[in-house]
């Protein structure tokens, strides 16, 4: 990659010191859009609140997608996820909202969001939401 490249010139959070949570997902150009390849992003540090009780919920999140023209910038994803820390949201709704927001900014060939929420009251919840068909799968 050319060090003079300006593919990151539109990124507003990358390289900043102190940042705040935001729902703005940023992208940069995919320099290999002729190829199908899978990008995986994962965290085990997601937190939100139960909308009924206000108690904290904790989850592991795995995002997998085949990019078309855009790649999600990971710091903007971190700030996006952080923005849910003090918000009440049902697990099933969160997984689908995350998928919809990723699809809106990326227009990926395929995208899958897996959320695995820790057990509370003896029941853990795992939600998988998918957009499109994964290349190479029938």
C-alpha atoms as a PDB file:
ATOM      1  CA  UNK A   1       0.000   0.000   0.000  1.00  0.00           C
ATOM      2  CA  UNK A   2       1.249   3.449  -0.851  1.00  0.00           C
ATOM      3  CA  UNK A   3       2.087   5.386   2.362  1.00  0.00           C
ATOM      4  CA  UNK A   4       0.876   8.532   0.605  1.00  0.00           C
ATOM      5  CA  UNK A   5      -2.584   6.995   0.187  1.00  0.00           C
ATOM      6  CA  UNK A   6      -5.517   9.049   1.443  1.00  0.00           C
ATOM      7  CA  UNK A   7      -7.924   6.115   1.872  1.00  0.00           C
ATOM      8  CA  UNK A   8      -8.275   7.112   5.516  1.00  0.00           C
ATOM      9  CA  UNK A   9      -8.713  10.853   4.983  1.00  0.00           C
ATOM     10  CA  UNK A  10     -12.467  10.737   5.770  1.00  0.00           C
ATOM     11  CA  UNK A  11     -12.020   8.900   9.086  1.00  0.00           C
ATOM     12  CA  UNK A  12     -12.793  11.313  11.900  1.00  0.00           C
ATOM     13  CA  UNK A  13     -12.019   9.178  14.978  1.00  0.00           C
ATOM     14  CA  UNK A  14      -8.916   7.253  13.920  1.00  0.00           C
ATOM     15  CA  UNK A  15      -5.821   8.661  15.600  1.00  0.00           C
ATOM     16  CA  UNK A  16      -7.723  10.849  18.054  1.00  0.00           C
ATOM     17  CA  UNK A  17      -6.776  10.617  21.684  1.00  0.00           C
ATOM     18  CA  UNK A  18      -9.861  10.997  23.866  1.00  0.00           C
ATOM     19  CA  UNK A  19     -13.074   9.898  22.181  1.00  0.00           C
ATOM     20  CA  UNK A  20     -16.701   9.464  23.128  1.00  0.00           C
ATOM     21  CA  UNK A  21     -19.287   6.837  22.241  1.00  0.00           C
ATOM     22  CA  UNK A  22     -21.096   7.459  18.966  1.00  0.00           C
ATOM     23  CA  UNK A  23     -23.397   5.578  16.597  1.00  0.00           C
ATOM     24  CA  UNK A  24     -21.373   6.712  13.572  1.00  0.00           C
ATOM     25  CA  UNK A  25     -19.786   3.764  11.766  1.00  0.00           C
ATOM     26  CA  UNK A  26     -16.953   4.855   9.504  1.00  0.00           C
ATOM     27  CA  UNK A  27     -15.550   3.025   6.499  1.00  0.00           C
ATOM     28  CA  UNK A  28     -12.577   3.027   4.184  1.00  0.00           C
ATOM     29  CA  UNK A  29     -12.250   1.676   0.629  1.00  0.00           C
ATOM     30  CA  UNK A  30     -11.744  -2.028   0.002  1.00  0.00           C
ATOM     31  CA  UNK A  31      -8.595  -2.285  -2.097  1.00  0.00           C
ATOM     32  CA  UNK A  32      -9.357  -5.909  -3.019  1.00  0.00           C
ATOM     33  CA  UNK A  33     -13.006  -5.760  -4.065  1.00  0.00           C
ATOM     34  CA  UNK A  34     -12.405  -8.218  -6.919  1.00  0.00           C
ATOM     35  CA  UNK A  35     -11.931 -10.996  -4.334  1.00  0.00           C
ATOM     36  CA  UNK A  36     -14.355 -12.593  -1.903  1.00  0.00           C
ATOM     37  CA  UNK A  37     -12.759 -12.710   1.551  1.00  0.00           C
ATOM     38  CA  UNK A  38     -14.159 -12.718   5.066  1.00  0.00           C
ATOM     39  CA  UNK A  39     -13.473 -10.016   7.636  1.00  0.00           C
ATOM     40  CA  UNK A  40     -14.062 -11.024  11.260  1.00  0.00           C
ATOM     41  CA  UNK A  41     -14.373  -8.607  14.163  1.00  0.00           C
ATOM     42  CA  UNK A  42     -14.967  -9.845  17.682  1.00  0.00           C
ATOM     43  CA  UNK A  43     -15.215  -8.614  21.226  1.00  0.00           C
ATOM     44  CA  UNK A  44     -16.092 -10.092  24.580  1.00  0.00           C
ATOM     45  CA  UNK A  45     -16.533  -6.670  26.191  1.00  0.00           C
ATOM     46  CA  UNK A  46     -19.987  -5.578  24.970  1.00  0.00           C
ATOM     47  CA  UNK A  47     -22.358  -4.238  27.614  1.00  0.00           C
ATOM     48  CA  UNK A  48     -25.873  -2.841  27.539  1.00  0.00           C
ATOM     49  CA  UNK A  49     -28.775  -2.718  29.982  1.00  0.00           C
ATOM     50  CA  UNK A  50     -31.855  -4.873  30.309  1.00  0.00           C
ATOM     51  CA  UNK A  51     -34.725  -2.615  29.179  1.00  0.00           C
ATOM     52  CA  UNK A  52     -37.040  -4.055  31.860  1.00  0.00           C
ATOM     53  CA  UNK A  53     -34.806  -4.173  34.952  1.00  0.00           C
ATOM     54  CA  UNK A  54     -31.934  -1.817  34.124  1.00  0.00           C
ATOM     55  CA  UNK A  55     -29.461  -4.546  35.097  1.00  0.00           C
ATOM     56  CA  UNK A  56     -26.286  -4.814  33.020  1.00  0.00           C
ATOM     57  CA  UNK A  57     -26.010  -7.429  30.285  1.00  0.00           C
ATOM     58  CA  UNK A  58     -22.687  -8.666  28.927  1.00  0.00           C
ATOM     59  CA  UNK A  59     -22.057 -10.303  25.573  1.00  0.00           C
ATOM     60  CA  UNK A  60     -19.530 -11.664  23.147  1.00  0.00           C
ATOM     61  CA  UNK A  61     -20.028 -10.355  19.630  1.00  0.00           C
ATOM     62  CA  UNK A  62     -18.690 -11.826  16.403  1.00  0.00           C
ATOM     63  CA  UNK A  63     -19.208  -9.943  13.162  1.00  0.00           C
ATOM     64  CA  UNK A  64     -18.292 -11.666   9.901  1.00  0.00           C
ATOM     65  CA  UNK A  65     -18.726 -10.120   6.471  1.00  0.00           C
ATOM     66  CA  UNK A  66     -17.576 -10.288   2.875  1.00  0.00           C
ATOM     67  CA  UNK A  67     -16.897  -6.695   1.867  1.00  0.00           C
ATOM     68  CA  UNK A  68     -17.810  -5.167  -1.449  1.00  0.00           C
ATOM     69  CA  UNK A  69     -16.472  -1.628  -1.812  1.00  0.00           C
ATOM     70  CA  UNK A  70     -16.116  -0.679   1.872  1.00  0.00           C
ATOM     71  CA  UNK A  71     -14.483  -1.932   5.080  1.00  0.00           C
ATOM     72  CA  UNK A  72     -15.670  -0.878   8.548  1.00  0.00           C
ATOM     73  CA  UNK A  73     -13.042   0.998  10.555  1.00  0.00           C
ATOM     74  CA  UNK A  74     -12.560  -0.858  13.843  1.00  0.00           C
ATOM     75  CA  UNK A  75     -12.267   2.143  16.174  1.00  0.00           C
ATOM     76  CA  UNK A  76     -15.589   3.507  14.938  1.00  0.00           C
ATOM     77  CA  UNK A  77     -17.086   0.057  15.612  1.00  0.00           C
ATOM     78  CA  UNK A  78     -15.680   0.140  19.149  1.00  0.00           C
ATOM     79  CA  UNK A  79     -17.238   3.567  19.758  1.00  0.00           C
ATOM     80  CA  UNK A  80     -20.524   2.375  18.225  1.00  0.00           C
ATOM     81  CA  UNK A  81     -20.659  -0.626  20.564  1.00  0.00           C
ATOM     82  CA  UNK A  82     -19.709   1.582  23.530  1.00  0.00           C
ATOM     83  CA  UNK A  83     -22.735   3.781  22.786  1.00  0.00           C
ATOM     84  CA  UNK A  84     -25.009   0.957  24.013  1.00  0.00           C
ATOM     85  CA  UNK A  85     -23.385   0.767  27.451  1.00  0.00           C
ATOM     86  CA  UNK A  86     -26.123   2.759  29.198  1.00  0.00           C
ATOM     87  CA  UNK A  87     -28.997   1.856  26.874  1.00  0.00           C
ATOM     88  CA  UNK A  88     -31.763  -0.620  27.558  1.00  0.00           C
ATOM     89  CA  UNK A  89     -32.196  -2.954  24.592  1.00  0.00           C
ATOM     90  CA  UNK A  90     -33.413  -6.519  24.138  1.00  0.00           C
ATOM     91  CA  UNK A  91     -30.751  -8.944  22.914  1.00  0.00           C
ATOM     92  CA  UNK A  92     -32.673  -9.981  19.823  1.00  0.00           C
ATOM     93  CA  UNK A  93     -33.289  -6.383  18.839  1.00  0.00           C
ATOM     94  CA  UNK A  94     -29.658  -5.374  19.351  1.00  0.00           C
ATOM     95  CA  UNK A  95     -28.320  -8.119  17.044  1.00  0.00           C
ATOM     96  CA  UNK A  96     -30.678  -7.039  14.273  1.00  0.00           C
ATOM     97  CA  UNK A  97     -30.028  -3.308  14.726  1.00  0.00           C
ATOM     98  CA  UNK A  98     -26.266  -3.918  14.583  1.00  0.00           C
ATOM     99  CA  UNK A  99     -26.681  -5.950  11.392  1.00  0.00           C
ATOM    100  CA  UNK A 100     -28.915  -3.278   9.810  1.00  0.00           C
ATOM    101  CA  UNK A 101     -26.456  -0.500  10.677  1.00  0.00           C
ATOM    102  CA  UNK A 102     -23.507  -2.462   9.247  1.00  0.00           C
ATOM    103  CA  UNK A 103     -25.400  -3.257   6.052  1.00  0.00           C
ATOM    104  CA  UNK A 104     -26.415   0.407   5.695  1.00  0.00           C
ATOM    105  CA  UNK A 105     -22.814   1.684   5.743  1.00  0.00           C
ATOM    106  CA  UNK A 106     -21.033  -1.249   4.080  1.00  0.00           C
ATOM    107  CA  UNK A 107     -23.439  -2.727   1.516  1.00  0.00           C
ATOM    108  CA  UNK A 108     -21.525  -5.992   2.005  1.00  0.00           C
ATOM    109  CA  UNK A 109     -21.882  -9.047  -0.205  1.00  0.00           C
ATOM    110  CA  UNK A 110     -22.719 -10.965   2.960  1.00  0.00           C
ATOM    111  CA  UNK A 111     -22.790 -10.146   6.686  1.00  0.00           C
ATOM    112  CA  UNK A 112     -23.474 -12.135   9.839  1.00  0.00           C
ATOM    113  CA  UNK A 113     -23.769 -10.872  13.404  1.00  0.00           C
ATOM    114  CA  UNK A 114     -23.520 -13.375  16.272  1.00  0.00           C
ATOM    115  CA  UNK A 115     -24.252 -12.206  19.802  1.00  0.00           C
ATOM    116  CA  UNK A 116     -23.808 -14.476  22.810  1.00  0.00           C
ATOM    117  CA  UNK A 117     -25.199 -12.873  25.948  1.00  0.00           C
ATOM    118  CA  UNK A 118     -24.079 -14.181  29.330  1.00  0.00           C
ATOM    119  CA  UNK A 119     -26.548 -16.134  31.417  1.00  0.00           C
ATOM    120  CA  UNK A 120     -28.771 -14.212  33.740  1.00  0.00           C
ATOM    121  CA  UNK A 121     -31.349 -16.108  35.731  1.00  0.00           C
ATOM    122  CA  UNK A 122     -29.875 -19.334  34.355  1.00  0.00           C
ATOM    123  CA  UNK A 123     -30.599 -18.567  30.693  1.00  0.00           C
ATOM    124  CA  UNK A 124     -28.077 -17.358  28.136  1.00  0.00           C
ATOM    125  CA  UNK A 125     -29.258 -15.936  24.827  1.00  0.00           C
ATOM    126  CA  UNK A 126     -27.466 -16.295  21.504  1.00  0.00           C
ATOM    127  CA  UNK A 127     -28.765 -14.417  18.468  1.00  0.00           C
ATOM    128  CA  UNK A 128     -27.511 -14.811  14.902  1.00  0.00           C
ATOM    129  CA  UNK A 129     -28.700 -12.374  12.236  1.00  0.00           C
ATOM    130  CA  UNK A 130     -27.615 -12.616   8.613  1.00  0.00           C
ATOM    131  CA  UNK A 131     -27.764 -10.515   5.433  1.00  0.00           C
ATOM    132  CA  UNK A 132     -27.379 -12.018   1.973  1.00  0.00           C
ATOM    133  CA  UNK A 133     -25.781 -15.358   1.104  1.00  0.00           C
ATOM    134  CA  UNK A 134     -22.221 -16.181   2.051  1.00  0.00           C
ATOM    135  CA  UNK A 135     -20.157 -16.631  -1.139  1.00  0.00           C
ATOM    136  CA  UNK A 136     -19.207 -20.245  -1.716  1.00  0.00           C
ATOM    137  CA  UNK A 137     -22.166 -21.586   0.300  1.00  0.00           C
ATOM    138  CA  UNK A 138     -25.218 -22.997  -1.419  1.00  0.00           C
END
